[in-house]
Amino acid sequence: MNLKTVILILTIGIFPSFAFSYSCPMKIGNVDQAISELDSTKHGAIIEAAKVLRTKGEKAHKNGDHQLSEDILAAALRLLDV
């Protein structure tokens, strides 16, 4: 096996994992967007709960627990879907 073949195999094996990696930062942005669109006078308690979930989701992401982060952020998004 020559060097080009090895590089090709490694490239094919590595790049798909980047394409399907976790989307925690995107979901954090979605939570922020949904919070900014809600009327805080009507939905203040929901917004505060979503902010707590967002913080926990971001912390899980920073700690490398991406599945937990996505689950928490998905819960925040469901909560914000008033």
C-alpha atoms as a PDB file:
ATOM      1  CA  MET A   1       0.000   0.000   0.000  1.00  0.00           C
ATOM      2  CA  ASN A   2       1.468   3.339  -0.986  1.00  0.00           C
ATOM      3  CA  LEU A   3       1.302   6.635   0.859  1.00  0.00           C
ATOM      4  CA  LYS A   4      -1.488   8.040  -1.335  1.00  0.00           C
ATOM      5  CA  THR A   5      -3.725   5.089  -0.500  1.00  0.00           C
ATOM      6  CA  VAL A   6      -3.106   5.481   3.230  1.00  0.00           C
ATOM      7  CA  ILE A   7      -3.874   9.208   3.070  1.00  0.00           C
ATOM      8  CA  LEU A   8      -7.047   8.529   1.089  1.00  0.00           C
ATOM      9  CA  ILE A   9      -8.255   5.926   3.594  1.00  0.00           C
ATOM     10  CA  LEU A  10      -7.561   8.231   6.531  1.00  0.00           C
ATOM     11  CA  THR A  11      -9.285  11.138   4.809  1.00  0.00           C
ATOM     12  CA  ILE A  12     -12.393   9.102   4.041  1.00  0.00           C
ATOM     13  CA  GLY A  13     -12.445   7.837   7.613  1.00  0.00           C
ATOM     14  CA  ILE A  14     -11.982  11.220   9.298  1.00  0.00           C
ATOM     15  CA  PHE A  15     -14.000  13.752   7.302  1.00  0.00           C
ATOM     16  CA  PRO A  16     -17.422  12.112   7.663  1.00  0.00           C
ATOM     17  CA  SER A  17     -17.038  12.282  11.429  1.00  0.00           C
ATOM     18  CA  PHE A  18     -16.615  16.052  11.140  1.00  0.00           C
ATOM     19  CA  ALA A  19     -19.696  16.346   8.951  1.00  0.00           C
ATOM     20  CA  PHE A  20     -21.865  14.493  11.442  1.00  0.00           C
ATOM     21  CA  SER A  21     -20.360  15.898  14.608  1.00  0.00           C
ATOM     22  CA  TYR A  22     -22.513  17.234  17.381  1.00  0.00           C
ATOM     23  CA  SER A  23     -24.330  20.506  16.851  1.00  0.00           C
ATOM     24  CA  CYS A  24     -24.230  21.942  20.361  1.00  0.00           C
ATOM     25  CA  PRO A  25     -23.133  25.463  19.337  1.00  0.00           C
ATOM     26  CA  MET A  26     -25.901  25.645  16.741  1.00  0.00           C
ATOM     27  CA  LYS A  27     -28.491  24.603  19.321  1.00  0.00           C
ATOM     28  CA  ILE A  28     -27.150  27.145  21.809  1.00  0.00           C
ATOM     29  CA  GLY A  29     -27.707  29.812  19.154  1.00  0.00           C
ATOM     30  CA  ASN A  30     -31.206  28.492  18.497  1.00  0.00           C
ATOM     31  CA  VAL A  31     -32.022  28.731  22.210  1.00  0.00           C
ATOM     32  CA  ASP A  32     -30.683  32.296  22.328  1.00  0.00           C
ATOM     33  CA  GLN A  33     -32.758  33.211  19.278  1.00  0.00           C
ATOM     34  CA  ALA A  34     -35.929  31.680  20.717  1.00  0.00           C
ATOM     35  CA  ILE A  35     -35.383  33.476  24.035  1.00  0.00           C
ATOM     36  CA  SER A  36     -34.959  36.809  22.271  1.00  0.00           C
ATOM     37  CA  GLU A  37     -38.217  36.308  20.358  1.00  0.00           C
ATOM     38  CA  LEU A  38     -40.410  35.608  23.394  1.00  0.00           C
ATOM     39  CA  ASP A  39     -42.250  38.329  25.278  1.00  0.00           C
ATOM     40  CA  SER A  40     -40.570  38.400  28.686  1.00  0.00           C
ATOM     41  CA  THR A  41     -43.620  39.933  30.360  1.00  0.00           C
ATOM     42  CA  LYS A  42     -45.800  36.980  29.317  1.00  0.00           C
ATOM     43  CA  HIS A  43     -43.270  34.162  29.484  1.00  0.00           C
ATOM     44  CA  GLY A  44     -40.770  35.281  32.121  1.00  0.00           C
ATOM     45  CA  ALA A  45     -40.714  31.973  34.025  1.00  0.00           C
ATOM     46  CA  ILE A  46     -40.298  29.956  30.821  1.00  0.00           C
ATOM     47  CA  ILE A  47     -37.442  32.190  29.704  1.00  0.00           C
ATOM     48  CA  GLU A  48     -35.665  31.829  33.050  1.00  0.00           C
ATOM     49  CA  ALA A  49     -36.025  28.029  32.970  1.00  0.00           C
ATOM     50  CA  ALA A  50     -34.719  27.963  29.385  1.00  0.00           C
ATOM     51  CA  LYS A  51     -31.733  30.101  30.397  1.00  0.00           C
ATOM     52  CA  VAL A  52     -30.879  27.619  33.158  1.00  0.00           C
ATOM     53  CA  LEU A  53     -31.091  24.740  30.664  1.00  0.00           C
ATOM     54  CA  ARG A  54     -28.993  26.693  28.149  1.00  0.00           C
ATOM     55  CA  THR A  55     -26.281  27.256  30.753  1.00  0.00           C
ATOM     56  CA  LYS A  56     -26.281  23.576  31.715  1.00  0.00           C
ATOM     57  CA  GLY A  57     -26.176  22.559  28.051  1.00  0.00           C
ATOM     58  CA  GLU A  58     -23.249  24.859  27.341  1.00  0.00           C
ATOM     59  CA  LYS A  59     -21.411  23.540  30.399  1.00  0.00           C
ATOM     60  CA  ALA A  60     -21.952  19.927  29.271  1.00  0.00           C
ATOM     61  CA  HIS A  61     -20.634  20.887  25.812  1.00  0.00           C
ATOM     62  CA  LYS A  62     -17.505  22.468  27.297  1.00  0.00           C
ATOM     63  CA  ASN A  63     -16.971  19.350  29.429  1.00  0.00           C
ATOM     64  CA  GLY A  64     -17.096  17.192  26.298  1.00  0.00           C
ATOM     65  CA  ASP A  65     -20.435  15.509  27.045  1.00  0.00           C
ATOM     66  CA  HIS A  66     -22.024  16.447  23.731  1.00  0.00           C
ATOM     67  CA  GLN A  67     -24.933  14.030  23.838  1.00  0.00           C
ATOM     68  CA  LEU A  68     -26.006  15.356  27.234  1.00  0.00           C
ATOM     69  CA  SER A  69     -25.562  18.895  25.936  1.00  0.00           C
ATOM     70  CA  GLU A  70     -27.770  18.214  22.928  1.00  0.00           C
ATOM     71  CA  ASP A  71     -30.431  16.591  25.116  1.00  0.00           C
ATOM     72  CA  ILE A  72     -30.506  19.537  27.520  1.00  0.00           C
ATOM     73  CA  LEU A  73     -30.572  22.102  24.718  1.00  0.00           C
ATOM     74  CA  ALA A  74     -33.352  20.193  22.945  1.00  0.00           C
ATOM     75  CA  ALA A  75     -35.369  20.356  26.171  1.00  0.00           C
ATOM     76  CA  ALA A  76     -34.827  24.114  26.302  1.00  0.00           C
ATOM     77  CA  LEU A  77     -36.016  24.448  22.709  1.00  0.00           C
ATOM     78  CA  ARG A  78     -39.135  22.383  23.437  1.00  0.00           C
ATOM     79  CA  LEU A  79     -39.811  24.579  26.450  1.00  0.00           C
ATOM     80  CA  LEU A  80     -39.468  27.724  24.358  1.00  0.00           C
ATOM     81  CA  ASP A  81     -41.893  26.459  21.735  1.00  0.00           C
ATOM     82  CA  VAL A  82     -44.794  28.184  23.509  1.00  0.00           C
END
